[in-house]
PDB file of N, CA and C in Angstrom:
ATOM      1  N   MET A   1       1.049  -0.862   0.254  1.00  0.00           N
ATOM      2  CA  MET A   1      -0.135   0.171  -0.154  1.00  0.00           C
ATOM      3  C   MET A   1       0.969   1.372   0.029  1.00  0.00           C
ATOM      4  N   ALA A   2       0.918   2.097  -0.339  1.00  0.00           N
ATOM      5  CA  ALA A   2       1.129   3.383  -0.945  1.00  0.00           C
ATOM      6  C   ALA A   2       0.858   4.332   0.740  1.00  0.00           C
ATOM      7  N   VAL A   3       2.353   4.958   0.970  1.00  0.00           N
ATOM      8  CA  VAL A   3       2.387   5.825   1.975  1.00  0.00           C
ATOM      9  C   VAL A   3       0.625   6.882   2.117  1.00  0.00           C
ATOM     10  N   GLY A   4       0.525   6.733   0.369  1.00  0.00           N
ATOM     11  CA  GLY A   4      -0.538   8.577   0.607  1.00  0.00           C
ATOM     12  C   GLY A   4      -2.122   7.687   1.125  1.00  0.00           C
ATOM     13  N   ARG A   5      -1.950   5.992   0.954  1.00  0.00           N
ATOM     14  CA  ARG A   5      -3.149   5.800   1.105  1.00  0.00           C
ATOM     15  C   ARG A   5      -2.969   5.235   2.598  1.00  0.00           C
ATOM     16  N   GLN A   6      -1.715   5.237   2.791  1.00  0.00           N
ATOM     17  CA  GLN A   6      -1.741   4.309   4.401  1.00  0.00           C
ATOM     18  C   GLN A   6      -2.802   5.547   5.036  1.00  0.00           C
ATOM     19  N   VAL A   7      -2.674   7.278   4.938  1.00  0.00           N
ATOM     20  CA  VAL A   7      -2.663   7.700   5.901  1.00  0.00           C
ATOM     21  C   VAL A   7      -3.658   8.459   5.579  1.00  0.00           C
ATOM     22  N   ASP A   8      -4.657   8.259   4.108  1.00  0.00           N
ATOM     23  CA  ASP A   8      -5.815   8.055   4.394  1.00  0.00           C
ATOM     24  C   ASP A   8      -6.900   7.178   5.001  1.00  0.00           C
ATOM     25  N   LEU A   9      -6.110   6.245   5.614  1.00  0.00           N
ATOM     26  CA  LEU A   9      -7.024   5.669   6.973  1.00  0.00           C
ATOM     27  C   LEU A   9      -7.229   5.507   8.003  1.00  0.00           C
ATOM     28  N   LEU A  10      -6.239   7.155   7.938  1.00  0.00           N
ATOM     29  CA  LEU A  10      -6.279   7.193   9.542  1.00  0.00           C
ATOM     30  C   LEU A  10      -7.033   8.612   9.704  1.00  0.00           C
ATOM     31  N   GLU A  11      -7.685   8.809  10.451  1.00  0.00           N
ATOM     32  CA  GLU A  11      -8.790   9.583  11.485  1.00  0.00           C
ATOM     33  C   GLU A  11      -7.847  10.882  12.829  1.00  0.00           C
ATOM     34  N   PRO A  12      -8.687  11.600  12.365  1.00  0.00           N
ATOM     35  CA  PRO A  12      -8.279  12.579  13.482  1.00  0.00           C
ATOM     36  C   PRO A  12      -8.065  11.959  15.454  1.00  0.00           C
ATOM     37  N   VAL A  13      -7.585  12.307  16.052  1.00  0.00           N
ATOM     38  CA  VAL A  13      -7.752  11.744  17.835  1.00  0.00           C
ATOM     39  C   VAL A  13      -8.159  13.608  18.516  1.00  0.00           C
ATOM     40  N   ASN A  14      -9.246  13.085  18.979  1.00  0.00           N
ATOM     41  CA  ASN A  14      -9.560  14.266  19.630  1.00  0.00           C
ATOM     42  C   ASN A  14      -8.964  13.233  20.914  1.00  0.00           C
ATOM     43  N   LEU A  15      -8.565  13.940  22.112  1.00  0.00           N
ATOM     44  CA  LEU A  15      -7.276  14.024  23.036  1.00  0.00           C
ATOM     45  C   LEU A  15      -7.954  14.290  24.313  1.00  0.00           C
ATOM     46  N   ALA A  16      -9.231  14.990  23.738  1.00  0.00           N
ATOM     47  CA  ALA A  16     -10.391  15.158  25.068  1.00  0.00           C
ATOM     48  C   ALA A  16     -11.008  14.245  25.732  1.00  0.00           C
ATOM     49  N   ASP A  17     -10.879  13.079  25.041  1.00  0.00           N
ATOM     50  CA  ASP A  17     -11.714  11.664  24.896  1.00  0.00           C
ATOM     51  C   ASP A  17     -11.092  10.854  26.163  1.00  0.00           C
ATOM     52  N   HIS A  18      -9.450  10.835  26.158  1.00  0.00           N
ATOM     53  CA  HIS A  18      -8.484  10.381  26.702  1.00  0.00           C
ATOM     54  C   HIS A  18      -7.801  11.180  28.359  1.00  0.00           C
ATOM     55  N   LEU A  19      -7.736  12.341  27.705  1.00  0.00           N
ATOM     56  CA  LEU A  19      -7.609  13.570  29.915  1.00  0.00           C
ATOM     57  C   LEU A  19      -7.901  12.567  31.077  1.00  0.00           C
ATOM     58  N   GLU A  20      -8.028  11.907  30.941  1.00  0.00           N
ATOM     59  CA  GLU A  20      -8.916  10.917  32.251  1.00  0.00           C
ATOM     60  C   GLU A  20      -7.544  10.313  32.855  1.00  0.00           C
ATOM     61  N   LYS A  21      -7.352   9.818  31.974  1.00  0.00           N
ATOM     62  CA  LYS A  21      -5.564   8.961  31.825  1.00  0.00           C
ATOM     63  C   LYS A  21      -4.925   9.448  32.047  1.00  0.00           C
ATOM     64  N   VAL A  22      -4.989  10.601  31.847  1.00  0.00           N
ATOM     65  CA  VAL A  22      -3.307  11.329  32.196  1.00  0.00           C
ATOM     66  C   VAL A  22      -2.823  11.557  33.570  1.00  0.00           C
ATOM     67  N   GLU A  23      -1.666  11.295  33.609  1.00  0.00           N
ATOM     68  CA  GLU A  23      -1.158  10.909  35.772  1.00  0.00           C
ATOM     69  C   GLU A  23       0.045  11.494  35.369  1.00  0.00           C
ATOM     70  N   LEU A  24       0.362  13.170  36.462  1.00  0.00           N
ATOM     71  CA  LEU A  24       1.325  14.241  36.591  1.00  0.00           C
ATOM     72  C   LEU A  24       1.786  13.581  37.411  1.00  0.00           C
ATOM     73  N   TYR A  25       2.684  13.978  37.334  1.00  0.00           N
ATOM     74  CA  TYR A  25       3.713  13.556  39.410  1.00  0.00           C
ATOM     75  C   TYR A  25       4.031  14.947  39.529  1.00  0.00           C
ATOM     76  N   LEU A  26       4.408  15.653  40.949  1.00  0.00           N
ATOM     77  CA  LEU A  26       4.226  16.674  41.391  1.00  0.00           C
ATOM     78  C   LEU A  26       4.776  17.838  40.841  1.00  0.00           C
ATOM     79  N   GLY A  27       5.874  17.367  40.075  1.00  0.00           N
ATOM     80  CA  GLY A  27       6.634  18.262  39.555  1.00  0.00           C
ATOM     81  C   GLY A  27       6.746  18.672  38.524  1.00  0.00           C
ATOM     82  N   GLN A  28       5.879  17.988  37.645  1.00  0.00           N
ATOM     83  CA  GLN A  28       5.227  17.545  36.904  1.00  0.00           C
ATOM     84  C   GLN A  28       3.712  19.043  36.309  1.00  0.00           C
ATOM     85  N   VAL A  29       2.714  18.704  37.542  1.00  0.00           N
ATOM     86  CA  VAL A  29       2.219  19.712  38.338  1.00  0.00           C
ATOM     87  C   VAL A  29       2.650  20.778  38.319  1.00  0.00           C
ATOM     88  N   CYS A  30       3.553  21.177  38.992  1.00  0.00           N
ATOM     89  CA  CYS A  30       4.347  22.703  39.083  1.00  0.00           C
ATOM     90  C   CYS A  30       4.935  22.903  37.942  1.00  0.00           C
ATOM     91  N   GLN A  31       5.996  22.710  37.155  1.00  0.00           N
ATOM     92  CA  GLN A  31       5.300  22.761  36.122  1.00  0.00           C
ATOM     93  C   GLN A  31       4.722  23.491  34.450  1.00  0.00           C
ATOM     94  N   ILE A  32       3.372  22.825  34.894  1.00  0.00           N
ATOM     95  CA  ILE A  32       2.441  23.080  33.499  1.00  0.00           C
ATOM     96  C   ILE A  32       1.203  24.278  34.976  1.00  0.00           C
ATOM     97  N   ALA A  33       1.600  24.553  35.749  1.00  0.00           N
ATOM     98  CA  ALA A  33       0.706  25.099  36.944  1.00  0.00           C
ATOM     99  C   ALA A  33       1.519  26.727  37.245  1.00  0.00           C
ATOM    100  N   GLY A  34       2.995  26.566  37.031  1.00  0.00           N
ATOM    101  CA  GLY A  34       3.994  27.897  37.581  1.00  0.00           C
ATOM    102  C   GLY A  34       3.879  27.846  39.135  1.00  0.00           C
ATOM    103  N   ILE A  35       3.714  26.639  39.630  1.00  0.00           N
ATOM    104  CA  ILE A  35       4.182  27.032  41.311  1.00  0.00           C
ATOM    105  C   ILE A  35       5.016  26.154  41.465  1.00  0.00           C
ATOM    106  N   SER A  36       5.517  26.800  42.477  1.00  0.00           N
ATOM    107  CA  SER A  36       7.072  25.652  43.641  1.00  0.00           C
ATOM    108  C   SER A  36       6.200  23.999  44.145  1.00  0.00           C
ATOM    109  N   LYS A  37       7.180  23.885  44.085  1.00  0.00           N
ATOM    110  CA  LYS A  37       6.819  21.900  44.709  1.00  0.00           C
ATOM    111  C   LYS A  37       6.695  22.743  46.106  1.00  0.00           C
ATOM    112  N   MET A  38       6.684  23.231  46.997  1.00  0.00           N
ATOM    113  CA  MET A  38       6.707  23.440  48.426  1.00  0.00           C
ATOM    114  C   MET A  38       4.900  23.890  48.374  1.00  0.00           C
ATOM    115  N   GLN A  39       5.062  25.193  47.291  1.00  0.00           N
ATOM    116  CA  GLN A  39       3.367  25.266  47.325  1.00  0.00           C
ATOM    117  C   GLN A  39       2.081  24.694  47.114  1.00  0.00           C
ATOM    118  N   LEU A  40       2.765  23.631  46.189  1.00  0.00           N
ATOM    119  CA  LEU A  40       1.490  22.489  45.358  1.00  0.00           C
ATOM    120  C   LEU A  40       1.582  21.746  47.106  1.00  0.00           C
ATOM    121  N   ASP A  41       2.561  21.239  48.007  1.00  0.00           N
ATOM    122  CA  ASP A  41       2.493  20.586  48.639  1.00  0.00           C
ATOM    123  C   ASP A  41       0.962  21.120  49.517  1.00  0.00           C
ATOM    124  N   TYR A  42       1.411  22.557  49.635  1.00  0.00           N
ATOM    125  CA  TYR A  42       0.507  23.502  50.773  1.00  0.00           C
ATOM    126  C   TYR A  42      -0.871  23.157  50.481  1.00  0.00           C
ATOM    127  N   TRP A  43      -0.269  23.282  48.958  1.00  0.00           N
ATOM    128  CA  TRP A  43      -2.166  23.899  48.551  1.00  0.00           C
ATOM    129  C   TRP A  43      -3.039  22.089  48.463  1.00  0.00           C
ATOM    130  N   THR A  44      -2.269  21.306  48.064  1.00  0.00           N
ATOM    131  CA  THR A  44      -2.640  19.981  48.578  1.00  0.00           C
ATOM    132  C   THR A  44      -3.505  19.661  49.553  1.00  0.00           C
ATOM    133  N   ASN A  45      -2.611  19.951  50.685  1.00  0.00           N
ATOM    134  CA  ASN A  45      -2.857  19.549  51.882  1.00  0.00           C
ATOM    135  C   ASN A  45      -4.018  20.462  52.364  1.00  0.00           C
ATOM    136  N   LYS A  46      -4.175  21.459  52.038  1.00  0.00           N
ATOM    137  CA  LYS A  46      -4.630  22.800  52.292  1.00  0.00           C
ATOM    138  C   LYS A  46      -7.081  22.240  51.836  1.00  0.00           C
ATOM    139  N   ALA A  47      -6.306  22.410  50.168  1.00  0.00           N
ATOM    140  CA  ALA A  47      -6.938  22.231  49.403  1.00  0.00           C
ATOM    141  C   ALA A  47      -7.493  20.622  49.120  1.00  0.00           C
ATOM    142  N   GLN A  48      -7.186  19.675  49.975  1.00  0.00           N
ATOM    143  CA  GLN A  48      -7.421  18.180  49.360  1.00  0.00           C
ATOM    144  C   GLN A  48      -8.012  18.031  48.838  1.00  0.00           C
ATOM    145  N   ILE A  49      -6.727  18.057  48.341  1.00  0.00           N
ATOM    146  CA  ILE A  49      -6.667  17.243  46.475  1.00  0.00           C
ATOM    147  C   ILE A  49      -6.577  15.758  46.110  1.00  0.00           C
ATOM    148  N   PRO A  50      -7.270  15.535  45.809  1.00  0.00           N
ATOM    149  CA  PRO A  50      -7.468  13.771  46.207  1.00  0.00           C
ATOM    150  C   PRO A  50      -5.748  13.970  45.212  1.00  0.00           C
ATOM    151  N   THR A  51      -4.832  12.639  45.398  1.00  0.00           N
ATOM    152  CA  THR A  51      -3.863  12.221  44.601  1.00  0.00           C
ATOM    153  C   THR A  51      -3.905  10.790  45.159  1.00  0.00           C
ATOM    154  N   LYS A  52      -2.684  10.142  44.104  1.00  0.00           N
ATOM    155  CA  LYS A  52      -2.665   8.795  43.866  1.00  0.00           C
ATOM    156  C   LYS A  52      -0.895   8.854  44.118  1.00  0.00           C
ATOM    157  N   GLY A  53      -0.367   7.549  44.731  1.00  0.00           N
ATOM    158  CA  GLY A  53       0.305   7.016  45.322  1.00  0.00           C
ATOM    159  C   GLY A  53       1.137   6.889  46.054  1.00  0.00           C
ATOM    160  N   LYS A  54       1.927   6.573  47.024  1.00  0.00           N
ATOM    161  CA  LYS A  54       2.350   6.599  48.136  1.00  0.00           C
ATOM    162  C   LYS A  54       3.963   7.198  47.981  1.00  0.00           C
ATOM    163  N   LYS A  55       4.841   7.062  47.998  1.00  0.00           N
ATOM    164  CA  LYS A  55       6.036   7.237  47.511  1.00  0.00           C
ATOM    165  C   LYS A  55       6.044   8.847  47.471  1.00  0.00           C
ATOM    166  N   GLN A  56       5.529   8.832  45.855  1.00  0.00           N
ATOM    167  CA  GLN A  56       5.292  10.309  45.353  1.00  0.00           C
ATOM    168  C   GLN A  56       3.153  10.707  44.517  1.00  0.00           C
ATOM    169  N   ARG A  57       3.430  11.379  45.231  1.00  0.00           N
ATOM    170  CA  ARG A  57       2.202  12.366  44.773  1.00  0.00           C
ATOM    171  C   ARG A  57       2.184  11.950  43.227  1.00  0.00           C
ATOM    172  N   ILE A  58       0.324  11.688  42.946  1.00  0.00           N
ATOM    173  CA  ILE A  58       0.467  11.875  41.415  1.00  0.00           C
ATOM    174  C   ILE A  58      -0.918  12.037  41.384  1.00  0.00           C
ATOM    175  N   TYR A  59      -1.322  12.814  40.655  1.00  0.00           N
ATOM    176  CA  TYR A  59      -1.793  14.193  40.005  1.00  0.00           C
ATOM    177  C   TYR A  59      -2.799  13.891  38.626  1.00  0.00           C
ATOM    178  N   ASP A  60      -4.515  13.767  39.271  1.00  0.00           N
ATOM    179  CA  ASP A  60      -5.163  13.095  37.555  1.00  0.00           C
ATOM    180  C   ASP A  60      -5.705  14.969  37.562  1.00  0.00           C
ATOM    181  N   ILE A  61      -6.376  14.890  35.973  1.00  0.00           N
ATOM    182  CA  ILE A  61      -6.327  15.652  35.378  1.00  0.00           C
ATOM    183  C   ILE A  61      -7.570  17.091  36.459  1.00  0.00           C
ATOM    184  N   ASP A  62      -8.728  16.343  36.686  1.00  0.00           N
ATOM    185  CA  ASP A  62      -9.219  17.086  37.136  1.00  0.00           C
ATOM    186  C   ASP A  62      -8.450  17.964  39.180  1.00  0.00           C
ATOM    187  N   ALA A  63      -7.226  17.182  39.445  1.00  0.00           N
ATOM    188  CA  ALA A  63      -6.480  17.856  40.059  1.00  0.00           C
ATOM    189  C   ALA A  63      -5.915  18.341  39.704  1.00  0.00           C
ATOM    190  N   LEU A  64      -5.358  18.742  38.899  1.00  0.00           N
ATOM    191  CA  LEU A  64      -4.236  19.529  38.022  1.00  0.00           C
ATOM    192  C   LEU A  64      -5.310  20.932  37.267  1.00  0.00           C
ATOM    193  N   GLU A  65      -6.461  20.674  36.993  1.00  0.00           N
ATOM    194  CA  GLU A  65      -7.524  21.694  36.271  1.00  0.00           C
ATOM    195  C   GLU A  65      -7.608  22.466  37.957  1.00  0.00           C
ATOM    196  N   LEU A  66      -8.388  22.057  39.092  1.00  0.00           N
ATOM    197  CA  LEU A  66      -7.760  22.277  40.663  1.00  0.00           C
ATOM    198  C   LEU A  66      -7.156  23.271  40.955  1.00  0.00           C
ATOM    199  N   VAL A  67      -5.437  22.773  40.827  1.00  0.00           N
ATOM    200  CA  VAL A  67      -4.677  23.690  41.139  1.00  0.00           C
ATOM    201  C   VAL A  67      -4.401  25.022  40.598  1.00  0.00           C
ATOM    202  N   MET A  68      -4.886  24.783  38.288  1.00  0.00           N
ATOM    203  CA  MET A  68      -4.389  25.805  38.327  1.00  0.00           C
ATOM    204  C   MET A  68      -5.388  26.966  38.108  1.00  0.00           C
ATOM    205  N   LEU A  69      -7.170  26.514  38.955  1.00  0.00           N
ATOM    206  CA  LEU A  69      -8.036  27.582  38.803  1.00  0.00           C
ATOM    207  C   LEU A  69      -7.772  27.993  40.748  1.00  0.00           C
ATOM    208  N   ILE A  70      -6.640  27.534  40.923  1.00  0.00           N
ATOM    209  CA  ILE A  70      -6.444  28.221  42.874  1.00  0.00           C
ATOM    210  C   ILE A  70      -5.350  28.740  42.354  1.00  0.00           C
ATOM    211  N   LYS A  71      -4.846  29.160  41.398  1.00  0.00           N
ATOM    212  CA  LYS A  71      -3.477  29.652  40.747  1.00  0.00           C
ATOM    213  C   LYS A  71      -3.680  30.949  40.145  1.00  0.00           C
ATOM    214  N   GLN A  72      -4.749  30.384  39.467  1.00  0.00           N
ATOM    215  CA  GLN A  72      -5.427  31.988  38.410  1.00  0.00           C
ATOM    216  C   GLN A  72      -5.978  33.091  39.354  1.00  0.00           C
ATOM    217  N   ALA A  73      -6.831  32.374  40.457  1.00  0.00           N
ATOM    218  CA  ALA A  73      -7.200  32.880  41.845  1.00  0.00           C
ATOM    219  C   ALA A  73      -6.533  33.520  42.810  1.00  0.00           C
ATOM    220  N   LYS A  74      -5.407  32.741  43.123  1.00  0.00           N
ATOM    221  CA  LYS A  74      -4.962  33.740  43.708  1.00  0.00           C
ATOM    222  C   LYS A  74      -3.447  35.519  43.303  1.00  0.00           C
ATOM    223  N   ASP A  75      -3.312  34.773  41.666  1.00  0.00           N
ATOM    224  CA  ASP A  75      -2.820  36.012  40.919  1.00  0.00           C
ATOM    225  C   ASP A  75      -3.749  36.851  40.937  1.00  0.00           C
ATOM    226  N   LYS A  76      -4.977  36.378  41.190  1.00  0.00           N
ATOM    227  CA  LYS A  76      -6.076  38.108  41.074  1.00  0.00           C
ATOM    228  C   LYS A  76      -6.040  38.517  42.160  1.00  0.00           C
ATOM    229  N   GLY A  77      -5.367  37.533  43.484  1.00  0.00           N
ATOM    230  CA  GLY A  77      -5.275  39.165  44.196  1.00  0.00           C
ATOM    231  C   GLY A  77      -5.814  37.700  45.964  1.00  0.00           C
ATOM    232  N   LEU A  78      -6.452  37.082  45.094  1.00  0.00           N
ATOM    233  CA  LEU A  78      -7.455  36.050  46.273  1.00  0.00           C
ATOM    234  C   LEU A  78      -6.558  35.417  47.652  1.00  0.00           C
ATOM    235  N   ASN A  79      -6.522  35.460  48.725  1.00  0.00           N
ATOM    236  CA  ASN A  79      -6.158  34.352  48.920  1.00  0.00           C
ATOM    237  C   ASN A  79      -6.442  33.452  49.439  1.00  0.00           C
ATOM    238  N   LEU A  80      -5.542  31.963  50.229  1.00  0.00           N
ATOM    239  CA  LEU A  80      -5.444  31.041  49.577  1.00  0.00           C
ATOM    240  C   LEU A  80      -6.887  30.089  50.167  1.00  0.00           C
ATOM    241  N   GLY A  81      -7.286  30.829  51.261  1.00  0.00           N
ATOM    242  CA  GLY A  81      -8.509  30.211  51.651  1.00  0.00           C
ATOM    243  C   GLY A  81      -9.713  30.630  50.682  1.00  0.00           C
ATOM    244  N   ALA A  82      -9.788  31.516  49.806  1.00  0.00           N
ATOM    245  CA  ALA A  82     -10.688  32.753  49.382  1.00  0.00           C
ATOM    246  C   ALA A  82      -9.873  31.394  47.918  1.00  0.00           C
ATOM    247  N   ALA A  83      -8.776  31.821  47.781  1.00  0.00           N
ATOM    248  CA  ALA A  83      -8.863  30.624  45.770  1.00  0.00           C
ATOM    249  C   ALA A  83      -9.166  29.844  46.230  1.00  0.00           C
ATOM    250  N   ILE A  84      -9.603  29.066  47.054  1.00  0.00           N
ATOM    251  CA  ILE A  84      -9.388  27.193  47.323  1.00  0.00           C
ATOM    252  C   ILE A  84     -10.697  27.462  46.717  1.00  0.00           C
ATOM    253  N   ASP A  85     -11.752  28.031  47.854  1.00  0.00           N
ATOM    254  CA  ASP A  85     -13.639  28.460  48.230  1.00  0.00           C
ATOM    255  C   ASP A  85     -14.052  28.422  46.509  1.00  0.00           C
ATOM    256  N   ALA A  86     -12.708  29.863  45.427  1.00  0.00           N
ATOM    257  CA  ALA A  86     -13.128  30.532  44.268  1.00  0.00           C
ATOM    258  C   ALA A  86     -13.037  29.418  43.557  1.00  0.00           C
ATOM    259  N   ALA A  87     -12.561  28.530  43.350  1.00  0.00           N
ATOM    260  CA  ALA A  87     -12.030  27.239  42.339  1.00  0.00           C
ATOM    261  C   ALA A  87     -12.730  26.260  42.806  1.00  0.00           C
ATOM    262  N   LYS A  88     -13.003  25.474  43.921  1.00  0.00           N
ATOM    263  CA  LYS A  88     -14.091  24.935  44.130  1.00  0.00           C
ATOM    264  C   LYS A  88     -15.629  24.917  43.257  1.00  0.00           C
ATOM    265  N   ARG A  89     -15.965  26.174  44.028  1.00  0.00           N
ATOM    266  CA  ARG A  89     -17.039  26.726  43.626  1.00  0.00           C
ATOM    267  C   ARG A  89     -17.557  26.763  41.614  1.00  0.00           C
ATOM    268  N   TYR A  90     -16.464  27.380  41.745  1.00  0.00           N
ATOM    269  CA  TYR A  90     -16.640  27.655  39.484  1.00  0.00           C
ATOM    270  C   TYR A  90     -16.508  26.183  39.073  1.00  0.00           C
ATOM    271  N   ARG A  91     -15.608  25.163  39.475  1.00  0.00           N
ATOM    272  CA  ARG A  91     -15.302  23.531  39.068  1.00  0.00           C
ATOM    273  C   ARG A  91     -17.222  23.380  39.064  1.00  0.00           C
ATOM    274  N   GLU A  92     -17.905  23.566  40.371  1.00  0.00           N
ATOM    275  CA  GLU A  92     -19.002  23.059  41.151  1.00  0.00           C
ATOM    276  C   GLU A  92     -19.807  23.545  39.496  1.00  0.00           C
ATOM    277  N   GLU A  93     -20.103  25.078  39.401  1.00  0.00           N
ATOM    278  CA  GLU A  93     -20.594  25.432  38.083  1.00  0.00           C
ATOM    279  C   GLU A  93     -20.276  25.704  37.234  1.00  0.00           C
ATOM    280  N   GLN A  94     -18.876  24.799  36.795  1.00  0.00           N
ATOM    281  CA  GLN A  94     -19.395  24.524  34.969  1.00  0.00           C
ATOM    282  C   GLN A  94     -19.353  22.775  35.516  1.00  0.00           C
ATOM    283  N   ARG A  95     -19.538  22.228  36.168  1.00  0.00           N
ATOM    284  CA  ARG A  95     -19.811  20.676  35.731  1.00  0.00           C
ATOM    285  C   ARG A  95     -21.459  20.613  36.054  1.00  0.00           C
ATOM    286  N   GLY A  96     -21.903  21.319  36.480  1.00  0.00           N
ATOM    287  CA  GLY A  96     -23.619  22.299  36.203  1.00  0.00           C
ATOM    288  C   GLY A  96     -23.706  22.680  35.034  1.00  0.00           C
ATOM    289  N   LEU A  97     -23.188  23.092  34.731  1.00  0.00           N
ATOM    290  CA  LEU A  97     -23.662  23.253  33.064  1.00  0.00           C
ATOM    291  C   LEU A  97     -22.936  22.732  32.007  1.00  0.00           C
ATOM    292  N   ASP A  98     -22.374  22.235  32.487  1.00  0.00           N
ATOM    293  CA  ASP A  98     -21.918  21.194  31.466  1.00  0.00           C
ATOM    294  C   ASP A  98     -22.682  19.188  31.414  1.00  0.00           C
ATOM    295  N   GLU A  99     -23.605  19.449  32.312  1.00  0.00           N
ATOM    296  CA  GLU A  99     -24.563  17.847  32.145  1.00  0.00           C
ATOM    297  C   GLU A  99     -25.974  18.557  31.917  1.00  0.00           C
ATOM    298  N   LEU A 100     -25.921  19.803  31.615  1.00  0.00           N
ATOM    299  CA  LEU A 100     -27.693  19.901  30.574  1.00  0.00           C
ATOM    300  C   LEU A 100     -27.154  21.193  30.043  1.00  0.00           C
ATOM    301  N   SER A 101     -26.628  20.241  28.213  1.00  0.00           N
ATOM    302  CA  SER A 101     -26.486  21.213  26.882  1.00  0.00           C
ATOM    303  C   SER A 101     -28.289  22.275  26.629  1.00  0.00           C
ATOM    304  N   LEU A 102     -28.026  23.195  25.921  1.00  0.00           N
ATOM    305  CA  LEU A 102     -29.407  23.775  24.924  1.00  0.00           C
ATOM    306  C   LEU A 102     -30.207  23.267  24.954  1.00  0.00           C
ATOM    307  N   ASP A 103     -30.462  22.119  24.827  1.00  0.00           N
ATOM    308  CA  ASP A 103     -31.883  21.148  24.580  1.00  0.00           C
ATOM    309  C   ASP A 103     -31.935  20.947  25.811  1.00  0.00           C
ATOM    310  N   GLY A 104     -30.898  20.903  26.668  1.00  0.00           N
ATOM    311  CA  GLY A 104     -32.258  20.009  28.183  1.00  0.00           C
ATOM    312  C   GLY A 104     -31.713  18.850  27.829  1.00  0.00           C
ATOM    313  N   SER A 105     -30.756  18.216  26.615  1.00  0.00           N
ATOM    314  CA  SER A 105     -30.289  16.899  27.649  1.00  0.00           C
ATOM    315  C   SER A 105     -28.943  16.252  28.144  1.00  0.00           C
ATOM    316  N   LEU A 106     -29.074  15.600  28.098  1.00  0.00           N
ATOM    317  CA  LEU A 106     -27.738  15.452  29.160  1.00  0.00           C
ATOM    318  C   LEU A 106     -26.284  15.712  28.234  1.00  0.00           C
ATOM    319  N   VAL A 107     -25.491  15.779  28.540  1.00  0.00           N
ATOM    320  CA  VAL A 107     -23.963  15.128  28.327  1.00  0.00           C
ATOM    321  C   VAL A 107     -23.143  15.280  28.581  1.00  0.00           C
ATOM    322  N   ARG A 108     -21.800  14.739  27.944  1.00  0.00           N
ATOM    323  CA  ARG A 108     -20.985  14.360  28.421  1.00  0.00           C
ATOM    324  C   ARG A 108     -20.041  14.968  29.290  1.00  0.00           C
ATOM    325  N   PRO A 109     -19.622  15.587  30.481  1.00  0.00           N
ATOM    326  CA  PRO A 109     -18.944  16.677  30.696  1.00  0.00           C
ATOM    327  C   PRO A 109     -17.204  15.822  30.567  1.00  0.00           C
ATOM    328  N   LEU A 110     -16.423  16.763  29.764  1.00  0.00           N
ATOM    329  CA  LEU A 110     -15.323  16.331  30.140  1.00  0.00           C
ATOM    330  C   LEU A 110     -13.603  15.930  30.926  1.00  0.00           C
TER     331      LEU A 110
END
């Protein structure tokens, strides 16, 4: 089979369908969020961010989203407690919106 025809067999990959499988180590989360390891460790305890792993914390994509929302709130001037509350409320509101589409049918949130 010619290379051009092999390419025709491929279809686009929707990475959003696979994000729930992503697991990140503490250093990777820090690099993505732009925070120090000490900050992430403190925020993880303070915000009760769920992690996996025994010797090293492993964060899923939902945990990364929460960390990034907390960072965004802190960058806008909120103290850590208020930033955590704002991030959690924002996620709850977004998930509520994601569950219902405009026509009222249920949709799968990312």
